[in-house]
């Protein structure tokens, strides 16, 4: 969606980027399961209501991962560790 909104530019089509990313040993795609979905709606304030961002944060928490983001709203959310 960021590519479609011109907020992110890739030098290759999105489908090719995803396929290439899947081959990298340090990139892991995590399916959204029932636990992640539940956590996304139970996150404490002050996280904003955007469902995609809530799922991203819930996934990071469920996997014990650091969230790599430039989004200031996510960087200031105290429940998740972020870097950029």
Protein backbone atom coordinates (compact mmCIF):
# COMPACT_ATOMS: atom_id res chain seq x y z
CA UNK A 1 0.00 0.00 0.00
CA UNK A 2 2.89 2.36 0.66
CA UNK A 3 4.09 1.79 -2.89
CA UNK A 4 0.61 2.48 -4.25
CA UNK A 5 0.46 5.70 -2.20
CA UNK A 6 3.92 6.71 -3.44
CA UNK A 7 5.24 6.74 0.12
CA UNK A 8 7.70 3.97 -0.68
CA UNK A 9 9.61 3.44 -3.90
CA UNK A 10 10.97 0.08 -4.95
CA UNK A 11 13.21 -0.50 -7.92
CA UNK A 12 11.36 -3.74 -8.75
CA UNK A 13 7.69 -4.81 -8.64
CA UNK A 14 6.29 -5.57 -5.18
CA UNK A 15 5.75 -9.26 -6.02
CA UNK A 16 9.41 -9.61 -7.00
CA UNK A 17 10.53 -7.80 -3.84
CA UNK A 18 8.48 -10.15 -1.65
CA UNK A 19 9.77 -13.21 -3.49
CA UNK A 20 13.35 -12.02 -3.10
CA UNK A 21 12.82 -11.21 0.57
CA UNK A 22 11.53 -14.71 1.25
CA UNK A 23 14.89 -16.12 0.16
CA UNK A 24 16.86 -14.04 2.67
CA UNK A 25 17.85 -16.07 5.75
CA UNK A 26 17.22 -13.16 8.14
CA UNK A 27 13.70 -12.30 6.91
CA UNK A 28 10.80 -14.32 8.28
CA UNK A 29 7.17 -13.96 7.25
CA UNK A 30 4.84 -14.62 10.16
CA UNK A 31 1.21 -15.53 9.48
CA UNK A 32 -1.40 -13.62 11.45
CA UNK A 33 -2.91 -16.25 13.71
CA UNK A 34 -5.70 -16.02 16.28
CA UNK A 35 -3.28 -15.01 19.06
CA UNK A 36 -1.82 -12.12 17.07
CA UNK A 37 -5.30 -11.00 16.02
CA UNK A 38 -6.47 -11.05 19.65
CA UNK A 39 -3.42 -9.15 20.86
CA UNK A 40 -3.92 -6.51 18.18
CA UNK A 41 -7.31 -5.52 19.59
CA UNK A 42 -6.15 -5.67 23.23
CA UNK A 43 -3.08 -3.43 22.96
CA UNK A 44 -3.11 -0.75 25.64
CA UNK A 45 -3.34 2.93 24.74
CA UNK A 46 -1.90 5.19 23.40
CA UNK A 47 -1.55 3.17 20.18
CA UNK A 48 -3.75 4.62 17.46
CA UNK A 49 -6.61 2.55 15.98
CA UNK A 50 -5.09 1.68 12.57
CA UNK A 51 -5.66 -2.10 12.24
CA UNK A 52 -2.54 -2.73 10.14
CA UNK A 53 -0.25 -1.00 12.64
CA UNK A 54 -1.90 -2.84 15.51
CA UNK A 55 -1.29 -6.18 13.77
CA UNK A 56 2.33 -5.20 13.11
CA UNK A 57 2.87 -4.33 16.78
CA UNK A 58 1.07 -7.46 18.00
CA UNK A 59 3.21 -9.60 15.69
CA UNK A 60 6.42 -8.05 17.03
CA UNK A 61 5.27 -8.65 20.59
CA UNK A 62 4.14 -12.23 19.90
CA UNK A 63 7.47 -13.12 18.30
CA UNK A 64 9.65 -11.15 20.70
CA UNK A 65 10.97 -9.14 17.79
CA UNK A 66 12.25 -5.60 17.53
CA UNK A 67 10.10 -3.59 15.13
CA UNK A 68 12.03 -1.87 12.34
CA UNK A 69 10.03 1.23 11.44
CA UNK A 70 10.32 4.88 10.54
CA UNK A 71 6.76 5.51 11.75
CA UNK A 72 7.00 7.98 14.64
CA UNK A 73 3.69 6.79 16.07
CA UNK A 74 5.05 3.27 16.42
CA UNK A 75 8.47 4.45 17.61
CA UNK A 76 6.88 6.22 20.57
CA UNK A 77 4.58 3.35 21.55
CA UNK A 78 6.05 2.13 24.85
CA UNK A 79 4.92 -1.50 24.56
CA UNK A 80 7.24 -2.43 21.67
CA UNK A 81 10.97 -1.99 21.01
CA UNK A 82 11.71 -0.20 17.73
CA UNK A 83 14.74 0.70 15.63
CA UNK A 84 15.39 2.62 12.42
